[in-house]
Amino acid sequence: MKRTLSAGVVVLALTVAGCGSATRPASTPTESAGAAGAASKLVVWDWKSGEPYAASYIEKAKADFAKKHPNVTVEFVPQPFEQYYTLLGAAMQTKTGPDVMLFNGGGQIRDRADSLLPLDEYVAEDKSRLAGWEAFAKDGKTYGAPVTLQGHPIYYNKALYEKAGITAPATTWDEFLANCDKLKKATGAACFALGNKEGIGPQFWLSGMGSGVLTPAEYDDWIAGKRDWKSPHVKKIFEMFKETGDKKLNNEGANSTAMFTDIFSVFNTGKAAHIIGLMSDIGHWKDFGEFIGPDKVGIMLAPVVTEGATPSLPYDGGIGYAVAKWTKDPKAAADLVRSLTTTDALSSFSAEAGAIASDTTISAPQDAPVVGEIVAQLKAGKPALHVAMDSKTIDLMGRLSQKLLSGSATVDEAVEELAASDQEN
């Protein structure tokens, strides 16, 4: 299931200079006012538009949309991420929610596809320019347009490695554990920065470490929905997660430390040598580089546990905008989604947020070494394991992971419950 991307695909821009020629041309303005079923206002829910780094991105998207629908106003309503899907679920039940909404790729959007408008007829022109569509599709239909690509690199602090006399990242799990001991003795730093208050930790762990444990066939079957929960390799991934707690490899209080964004501070301040982070927006190379120095941020592939495993960078479409079925003007709402994914708008988001945009025409920076490493790994990358799962099983995995770390559940119990949930949902 190797992913074939061209050399220029999925690259990051920290400058918008020179990108104008690659911007998708604005379509002819559509007369919205007075048309049958036309809307005079579109409401957008997300958790990004209120952030300072998104201001330019939103303004450029709104300006592009206004050219096509001058008589339609757009209101962005940022919601708190911690409550976002609860609030969105309530709105969907009453069909009184927003016209356009932001989703994480994977289970969160697939589980809500019945409430969303298929976008294929509207975004056909964008399919070759943007990457990451698979994470926003279900049963052959596209329900969201990707804004970013999101992956889970294993970051490490090169400065701590140097103090511990470690010249290169480990390639096997046993070697990795040995390096953890060296790092602890030489620097006092924990091996992993893990924030699991929200139960998000196992998502990052499963995807970040899974390619070093599952065989290629098991990995591809998992993504295809043929998950063998009885496989000793699947069990091993969760045993390793529990091992980090049992051997005190994590920072103290992992179950009471929030992933967003307290745990990133643990890594940024040198209190932990590794973190399975993100590659776009937040908890990523740009954030870490601002604290420990761009040249001191490294990435590594998952250490090998199973003979024949082929470690790879896990990534998918990260976040993307979708349209509600109940919107009064599907064409206008879909056009707004397209405006939110123009090259011009995405270039701004990349520049300000440090996101790896879904747009394959945006050029990579030359002053961020680790980004070059990430981009180089994309061609051989595979979809993230947790993104292939349904949202209910992911939520269950979060609750069970807290029990694994606290010692109130065994790996066998956790895997059995997850298998049952996965089969049911």
Protein backbone atom coordinates (compact mmCIF):
# COMPACT_ATOMS: atom_id res chain seq x y z
CA MET A 1 0.00 0.00 0.00
CA LYS A 2 2.86 2.34 -0.79
CA ARG A 3 1.67 5.85 -1.53
CA THR A 4 3.04 7.37 -4.68
CA LEU A 5 3.47 11.13 -4.52
CA SER A 6 5.43 13.27 -6.89
CA ALA A 7 8.52 15.04 -5.66
CA GLY A 8 6.63 18.31 -5.39
CA VAL A 9 3.60 16.94 -3.62
CA VAL A 10 2.69 18.07 -0.15
CA VAL A 11 5.27 20.62 0.67
CA LEU A 12 5.28 23.51 3.03
CA ALA A 13 5.53 27.23 2.31
CA LEU A 14 6.80 29.73 4.81
CA THR A 15 6.56 32.47 2.19
CA VAL A 16 3.77 33.22 -0.26
CA ALA A 17 6.11 34.88 -2.76
CA GLY A 18 5.85 33.36 -6.21
CA CYS A 19 2.71 31.33 -5.45
CA GLY A 20 0.28 33.63 -7.24
CA SER A 21 0.56 31.88 -10.59
CA ALA A 22 -0.35 28.56 -9.00
CA THR A 23 -3.50 29.84 -7.33
CA ARG A 24 -6.74 28.30 -8.56
CA PRO A 25 -8.44 30.90 -10.74
CA ALA A 26 -11.60 32.33 -9.23
CA SER A 27 -14.68 31.15 -11.02
CA THR A 28 -17.23 33.49 -12.52
CA PRO A 29 -19.28 35.26 -9.82
CA THR A 30 -22.51 33.47 -9.03
CA GLU A 31 -25.66 35.49 -8.54
CA SER A 32 -26.77 34.27 -5.11
CA ALA A 33 -29.40 36.80 -4.09
CA GLY A 34 -32.79 36.05 -5.49
CA ALA A 35 -31.94 32.63 -6.84
CA ALA A 36 -34.11 29.69 -5.88
CA GLY A 37 -32.86 28.19 -2.66
CA ALA A 38 -30.07 30.76 -2.44
CA ALA A 39 -28.62 31.78 0.90
CA SER A 40 -27.89 35.31 2.04
CA LYS A 41 -25.62 34.09 4.82
CA LEU A 42 -23.44 31.06 5.46
CA VAL A 43 -22.32 30.05 8.94
CA VAL A 44 -19.04 28.21 9.47
CA TRP A 45 -18.04 26.30 12.59
CA ASP A 46 -14.44 25.40 13.29
CA TRP A 47 -11.78 25.61 15.97
CA LYS A 48 -9.18 27.45 13.89
CA SER A 49 -10.64 30.73 12.64
CA GLY A 50 -10.26 32.46 16.01
CA GLU A 51 -6.51 31.84 16.16
CA PRO A 52 -4.22 34.77 15.24
CA TYR A 53 -2.26 32.61 12.81
CA ALA A 54 -5.45 31.90 10.85
CA ALA A 55 -6.48 35.54 10.32
CA SER A 56 -4.83 36.03 6.94
CA TYR A 57 -5.99 32.61 5.75
CA ILE A 58 -9.62 33.37 6.60
CA GLU A 59 -9.52 36.83 5.03
CA LYS A 60 -8.13 35.47 1.77
CA ALA A 61 -10.74 32.73 1.67
CA LYS A 62 -13.55 35.21 2.32
CA ALA A 63 -12.24 37.55 -0.38
CA ASP A 64 -12.13 34.72 -2.94
CA PHE A 65 -15.66 33.66 -2.01
CA ALA A 66 -16.97 37.24 -2.28
CA LYS A 67 -15.89 37.36 -5.92
CA LYS A 68 -18.23 34.47 -6.67
CA HIS A 69 -21.05 35.31 -4.24
CA PRO A 70 -20.98 39.04 -3.56
CA ASN A 71 -24.41 39.01 -1.93
CA VAL A 72 -23.70 36.23 0.57
CA THR A 73 -22.17 37.06 3.93
CA VAL A 74 -20.01 34.55 5.79
CA GLU A 75 -19.86 34.22 9.56
CA PHE A 76 -17.12 32.14 11.20
CA VAL A 77 -18.00 30.85 14.66
CA PRO A 78 -14.94 29.33 16.37
CA GLN A 79 -15.76 26.64 18.90
CA PRO A 80 -13.59 25.15 21.67
CA PHE A 81 -11.93 22.03 20.32
CA GLU A 82 -12.51 20.06 23.53
CA GLN A 83 -16.29 20.40 23.07
CA TYR A 84 -16.41 20.73 19.31
CA TYR A 85 -17.77 17.34 18.28
CA THR A 86 -20.27 17.29 21.15
CA LEU A 87 -21.63 20.66 20.10
CA LEU A 88 -21.61 19.66 16.45
CA GLY A 89 -23.40 16.41 17.19
CA ALA A 90 -26.19 18.25 18.98
CA ALA A 91 -26.54 20.68 16.08
CA MET A 92 -26.69 17.83 13.59
CA GLN A 93 -29.49 16.13 15.48
CA THR A 94 -31.67 19.23 15.14
CA LYS A 95 -30.41 20.13 11.64
CA THR A 96 -29.98 23.71 12.80
CA GLY A 97 -26.20 23.81 12.84
CA PRO A 98 -23.72 25.51 10.54
CA ASP A 99 -23.68 25.34 6.76
CA VAL A 100 -19.96 24.58 6.61
CA MET A 101 -17.91 22.86 9.30
CA LEU A 102 -14.34 21.79 9.98
CA PHE A 103 -13.47 18.15 10.59
CA ASN A 104 -10.47 16.06 11.43
CA GLY A 105 -9.93 13.49 8.73
CA GLY A 106 -10.90 9.89 9.48
CA GLY A 107 -13.54 8.57 11.84
CA GLN A 108 -14.88 11.95 12.95
CA ILE A 109 -16.11 12.86 9.48
CA ARG A 110 -16.88 9.34 8.24
CA ASP A 111 -19.14 8.64 11.20
CA ARG A 112 -21.15 11.76 10.36
CA ALA A 113 -21.30 11.31 6.58
CA ASP A 114 -25.08 10.82 6.67
CA SER A 115 -25.42 14.46 7.70
CA LEU A 116 -23.03 15.80 5.07
CA LEU A 117 -23.30 16.76 1.43
CA PRO A 118 -21.17 14.75 -1.03
CA LEU A 119 -18.81 17.23 -2.65
CA ASP A 120 -17.53 15.29 -5.65
CA GLU A 121 -19.41 17.29 -8.28
CA TYR A 122 -18.16 20.57 -6.79
CA VAL A 123 -14.48 19.82 -6.11
CA ALA A 124 -13.56 17.82 -9.22
CA GLU A 125 -11.22 20.59 -10.42
CA ASP A 126 -9.32 20.49 -7.10
CA LYS A 127 -8.71 16.76 -6.91
CA SER A 128 -5.34 16.79 -8.68
CA ARG A 129 -4.04 19.86 -6.83
CA LEU A 130 -4.89 18.81 -3.30
CA ALA A 131 -3.70 15.67 -1.50
CA GLY A 132 -5.26 13.86 1.45
CA TRP A 133 -8.74 13.26 0.05
CA GLU A 134 -8.94 9.68 1.33
CA ALA A 135 -9.33 10.81 4.94
CA PHE A 136 -12.49 12.72 4.00
CA ALA A 137 -14.16 10.02 1.92
CA LYS A 138 -16.52 7.16 2.66
CA ASP A 139 -17.96 4.51 0.35
CA GLY A 140 -16.52 6.21 -2.71
CA LYS A 141 -17.92 9.66 -1.93
CA THR A 142 -16.03 12.77 -0.83
CA TYR A 143 -17.41 14.70 2.12
CA GLY A 144 -14.66 17.18 2.90
CA ALA A 145 -11.86 19.10 1.19
CA PRO A 146 -8.46 18.80 2.89
CA VAL A 147 -6.76 21.93 4.20
CA THR A 148 -3.68 20.27 5.65
CA LEU A 149 -1.88 16.98 5.76
CA GLN A 150 -1.41 15.65 9.25
CA GLY A 151 1.04 13.04 10.40
CA HIS A 152 2.67 11.75 13.54
CA PRO A 153 6.46 11.97 13.41
CA ILE A 154 8.45 10.80 16.41
CA TYR A 155 10.38 13.94 17.32
CA TYR A 156 13.53 13.88 19.43
CA ASN A 157 15.68 16.54 21.07
CA LYS A 158 19.11 16.48 19.44
CA ALA A 159 20.65 18.52 22.26
CA LEU A 160 19.68 15.86 24.80
CA TYR A 161 21.00 13.14 22.51
CA GLU A 162 24.33 14.95 22.33
CA LYS A 163 24.55 15.21 26.12
CA ALA A 164 23.87 11.49 26.39
CA GLY A 165 26.45 10.65 23.73
CA ILE A 166 23.84 9.20 21.35
CA THR A 167 24.82 9.85 17.76
CA ALA A 168 21.74 8.52 15.94
CA PRO A 169 18.19 7.41 16.75
CA ALA A 170 17.58 3.76 17.54
CA THR A 171 16.29 1.46 14.84
CA THR A 172 15.05 -1.34 17.14
CA TRP A 173 12.88 -1.25 20.26
CA ASP A 174 15.56 -2.80 22.47
CA GLU A 175 18.07 -0.23 21.30
CA PHE A 176 15.52 2.49 21.89
CA LEU A 177 14.95 1.39 25.49
CA ALA A 178 18.72 1.36 26.04
CA ASN A 179 18.90 4.92 24.74
CA CYS A 180 16.15 5.93 27.12
CA ASP A 181 18.30 4.74 30.03
CA LYS A 182 21.27 6.73 28.72
CA LEU A 183 19.17 9.85 28.33
CA LYS A 184 17.73 9.57 31.84
CA LYS A 185 21.17 9.12 33.43
CA ALA A 186 22.84 11.89 31.43
CA THR A 187 20.09 14.52 31.35
CA GLY A 188 17.37 13.55 33.82
CA ALA A 189 14.83 13.77 31.01
CA ALA A 190 11.99 11.32 30.64
CA CYS A 191 12.04 9.20 27.51
CA PHE A 192 8.57 10.25 26.32
CA ALA A 193 6.42 13.33 26.69
CA LEU A 194 2.92 11.87 26.94
CA GLY A 195 -0.27 13.80 27.57
CA ASN A 196 -3.24 11.50 28.04
CA LYS A 197 -5.74 13.53 30.03
CA GLU A 198 -8.11 13.55 27.06
CA GLY A 199 -7.22 9.95 26.12
CA ILE A 200 -5.58 11.09 22.88
CA GLY A 201 -2.21 9.54 23.69
CA PRO A 202 -2.94 6.06 22.27
CA GLN A 203 -3.99 7.51 18.92
CA PHE A 204 -0.55 9.04 18.49
CA TRP A 205 1.12 5.92 19.89
CA LEU A 206 -0.75 3.46 17.66
CA SER A 207 0.04 5.40 14.51
CA GLY A 208 3.50 6.56 15.49
CA MET A 209 4.78 3.13 16.58
CA GLY A 210 2.56 0.74 14.63
CA SER A 211 4.61 0.49 11.44
CA GLY A 212 7.52 -0.92 13.42
CA VAL A 213 5.36 -3.68 14.89
CA LEU A 214 2.83 -4.76 12.27
CA THR A 215 3.93 -6.58 9.15
CA PRO A 216 3.26 -4.69 5.90
CA ALA A 217 0.34 -7.02 5.16
CA GLU A 218 -1.15 -6.48 8.62
CA TYR A 219 -0.76 -2.74 8.24
CA ASP A 220 -2.50 -2.64 4.87
CA ASP A 221 -5.28 -4.92 6.12
CA TRP A 222 -5.81 -2.64 9.12
CA ILE A 223 -6.26 0.39 6.88
CA ALA A 224 -8.60 -1.58 4.62
CA GLY A 225 -10.83 -2.42 7.60
CA LYS A 226 -9.68 -6.02 8.03
CA ARG A 227 -8.25 -5.61 11.52
CA ASP A 228 -7.02 -8.75 13.26
CA TRP A 229 -7.26 -7.90 16.94
CA LYS A 230 -6.07 -11.41 17.82
CA SER A 231 -2.71 -10.80 16.18
CA PRO A 232 0.16 -10.86 18.69
CA HIS A 233 1.57 -7.84 16.87
CA VAL A 234 -1.54 -5.76 17.58
CA LYS A 235 -1.34 -6.81 21.22
CA LYS A 236 2.35 -5.87 21.25
CA ILE A 237 1.60 -2.25 20.35
CA PHE A 238 -0.56 -1.91 23.45
CA GLU A 239 1.93 -3.81 25.57
CA MET A 240 4.58 -1.28 24.56
CA PHE A 241 2.25 1.57 25.50
CA LYS A 242 1.68 0.03 28.92
CA GLU A 243 5.42 -0.61 29.23
CA THR A 244 6.13 3.11 29.01
CA GLY A 245 4.06 3.56 32.15
CA ASP A 246 5.32 0.51 34.00
CA LYS A 247 8.98 1.43 33.38
CA LYS A 248 8.37 5.13 34.10
CA LEU A 249 9.48 6.15 30.66
CA ASN A 250 6.88 8.92 30.47
CA ASN A 251 6.77 12.27 32.20
CA GLU A 252 5.08 12.21 35.59
CA GLY A 253 1.31 12.51 35.59
CA ALA A 254 0.73 11.48 31.98
CA ASN A 255 -2.95 10.74 32.64
CA SER A 256 -3.48 14.18 34.16
CA THR A 257 -1.52 16.12 31.54
CA ALA A 258 -3.44 17.52 28.58
CA MET A 259 -2.21 16.71 25.09
CA PHE A 260 -3.37 20.11 23.87
CA THR A 261 -1.24 21.82 24.80
CA ASP A 262 0.43 21.14 28.14
CA ILE A 263 2.45 18.15 27.00
CA PHE A 264 4.19 20.10 24.27
CA SER A 265 5.71 22.32 26.95
CA VAL A 266 7.26 19.25 28.54
CA PHE A 267 9.14 18.51 25.33
CA ASN A 268 9.92 22.16 24.63
CA THR A 269 11.60 22.60 28.01
CA GLY A 270 13.80 19.53 27.68
CA LYS A 271 11.97 17.49 30.31
CA ALA A 272 11.44 14.66 27.81
CA ALA A 273 13.62 13.49 24.95
CA HIS A 274 10.91 12.25 22.58
CA ILE A 275 7.36 13.08 21.65
CA ILE A 276 5.02 11.64 19.07
CA GLY A 277 3.73 14.93 17.76
CA LEU A 278 2.05 16.38 14.72
CA MET A 279 3.45 17.73 11.49
CA SER A 280 0.99 20.61 10.97
CA ASP A 281 -0.41 23.53 12.95
CA ILE A 282 0.42 22.69 16.53
CA GLY A 283 2.66 20.37 18.50
CA HIS A 284 4.94 20.26 15.49
CA TRP A 285 8.37 21.14 14.13
CA LYS A 286 7.72 24.90 14.11
CA ASP A 287 6.56 25.04 17.74
CA PHE A 288 9.41 22.85 18.93
CA GLY A 289 12.01 24.72 16.91
CA GLU A 290 11.07 28.02 18.53
CA PHE A 291 12.04 26.61 21.93
CA ILE A 292 14.88 24.16 21.39
CA GLY A 293 16.18 25.54 18.09
CA PRO A 294 15.28 24.46 14.53
CA ASP A 295 18.55 22.57 14.17
CA LYS A 296 17.98 20.65 17.39
CA VAL A 297 14.65 19.11 16.36
CA GLY A 298 15.01 15.65 14.87
CA ILE A 299 12.57 13.02 13.67
CA MET A 300 12.89 9.26 13.65
CA LEU A 301 10.87 6.38 12.29
CA ALA A 302 9.31 3.80 14.57
CA PRO A 303 11.87 1.38 16.02
CA VAL A 304 11.47 -2.13 14.63
CA VAL A 305 9.94 -4.77 16.86
CA THR A 306 8.81 -7.37 14.33
CA GLU A 307 11.13 -8.83 11.73
CA GLY A 308 9.94 -7.72 8.30
CA ALA A 309 8.16 -4.60 9.56
CA THR A 310 8.85 -1.52 7.43
CA PRO A 311 8.68 1.70 9.49
CA SER A 312 7.07 4.62 7.69
CA LEU A 313 5.70 8.07 8.40
CA PRO A 314 1.96 7.86 9.17
CA TYR A 315 -0.03 10.67 7.62
CA ASP A 316 -3.40 11.52 6.08
CA GLY A 317 -5.49 14.50 5.22
CA GLY A 318 -5.42 16.49 8.46
CA ILE A 319 -8.29 18.95 8.73
CA GLY A 320 -10.81 19.84 6.08
CA TYR A 321 -14.10 21.64 5.56
CA ALA A 322 -17.41 19.92 4.82
CA VAL A 323 -20.96 21.02 3.98
CA ALA A 324 -24.11 20.16 5.91
CA LYS A 325 -26.91 18.43 4.05
CA TRP A 326 -29.39 20.97 5.39
CA THR A 327 -27.69 24.04 3.95
CA LYS A 328 -30.08 26.17 1.91
CA ASP A 329 -27.57 26.77 -0.87
CA PRO A 330 -25.34 23.73 -1.50
CA LYS A 331 -23.53 25.38 -4.42
CA ALA A 332 -22.60 28.47 -2.40
CA ALA A 333 -21.53 26.38 0.59
CA ALA A 334 -19.41 24.15 -1.62
CA ASP A 335 -17.86 27.21 -3.22
CA LEU A 336 -16.93 28.46 0.24
CA VAL A 337 -15.17 25.16 0.89
CA ARG A 338 -13.29 25.64 -2.36
CA SER A 339 -12.34 29.19 -1.34
CA LEU A 340 -10.96 27.79 1.90
CA THR A 341 -8.65 25.52 -0.11
CA THR A 342 -7.25 27.88 -2.76
CA THR A 343 -3.49 27.98 -3.15
CA ASP A 344 -3.44 31.61 -2.03
CA ALA A 345 -5.36 30.92 1.19
CA LEU A 346 -3.45 27.74 1.99
CA SER A 347 -0.12 29.49 1.42
CA SER A 348 -1.06 31.97 4.14
CA PHE A 349 -2.11 29.22 6.51
CA SER A 350 1.15 27.38 5.90
CA ALA A 351 3.20 30.51 6.44
CA GLU A 352 1.53 31.56 9.67
CA ALA A 353 0.68 28.22 11.26
CA GLY A 354 3.57 26.14 10.00
CA ALA A 355 1.11 23.70 8.51
CA ILE A 356 1.97 21.25 5.77
CA ALA A 357 -0.71 22.24 3.31
CA SER A 358 -2.73 19.81 1.24
CA ASP A 359 -1.86 21.87 -1.83
CA THR A 360 0.79 20.09 -3.87
CA THR A 361 1.95 23.28 -5.60
CA ILE A 362 3.30 25.04 -2.50
CA SER A 363 7.08 25.01 -2.21
CA ALA A 364 9.04 23.74 0.77
CA PRO A 365 11.22 26.05 2.91
CA GLN A 366 14.99 25.84 2.89
CA ASP A 367 15.57 26.99 6.46
CA ALA A 368 13.85 24.22 8.42
CA PRO A 369 15.92 21.01 8.16
CA VAL A 370 13.39 18.75 9.83
CA VAL A 371 10.67 19.76 7.36
CA GLY A 372 12.84 18.52 4.55
CA GLU A 373 13.13 15.20 6.37
CA ILE A 374 9.36 15.01 6.79
CA VAL A 375 8.68 15.81 3.15
CA ALA A 376 11.25 13.21 2.09
CA GLN A 377 9.35 10.55 4.04
CA LEU A 378 5.94 11.35 2.59
CA LYS A 379 6.41 9.35 -0.60
CA ALA A 380 6.83 6.09 1.33
CA GLY A 381 4.35 7.10 4.02
CA LYS A 382 1.16 5.24 4.81
CA PRO A 383 -2.20 6.25 6.29
CA ALA A 384 -2.25 6.57 10.08
CA LEU A 385 -3.66 3.51 11.82
CA HIS A 386 -5.97 5.36 14.17
CA VAL A 387 -7.50 7.44 11.36
CA ALA A 388 -8.88 4.25 9.83
CA MET A 389 -10.88 3.51 13.00
CA ASP A 390 -14.38 4.70 13.86
CA SER A 391 -14.76 7.49 16.40
CA LYS A 392 -16.54 5.36 19.02
CA THR A 393 -13.72 2.82 19.13
CA ILE A 394 -11.16 5.64 19.25
CA ASP A 395 -12.97 7.16 22.24
CA LEU A 396 -13.02 3.76 23.94
CA MET A 397 -9.31 3.33 23.25
CA GLY A 398 -8.69 6.63 25.02
CA ARG A 399 -10.53 5.51 28.16
CA LEU A 400 -8.84 2.13 28.18
CA SER A 401 -5.42 3.68 27.71
CA GLN A 402 -5.83 5.61 30.93
CA LYS A 403 -6.62 2.34 32.68
CA LEU A 404 -3.56 0.70 31.14
CA LEU A 405 -1.29 3.44 32.46
CA SER A 406 -2.91 3.39 35.89
CA GLY A 407 -2.76 -0.41 36.11
CA SER A 408 -6.53 -0.86 36.41
CA ALA A 409 -6.83 -2.81 33.15
CA THR A 410 -4.75 -5.45 31.43
CA VAL A 411 -3.71 -5.40 27.80
CA ASP A 412 -5.79 -8.51 27.12
CA GLU A 413 -8.89 -6.83 28.55
CA ALA A 414 -8.29 -3.66 26.55
CA VAL A 415 -7.71 -5.45 23.26
CA GLU A 416 -10.81 -7.61 23.76
CA GLU A 417 -13.01 -4.56 24.34
CA LEU A 418 -11.54 -2.72 21.38
CA ALA A 419 -12.09 -5.71 19.10
CA ALA A 420 -15.74 -5.90 20.09
CA SER A 421 -16.25 -2.17 19.53
CA ASP A 422 -14.48 -2.21 16.19
CA GLN A 423 -16.60 -5.11 14.98
CA GLU A 424 -19.82 -3.47 16.17
CA ASN A 425 -19.12 -0.05 14.66
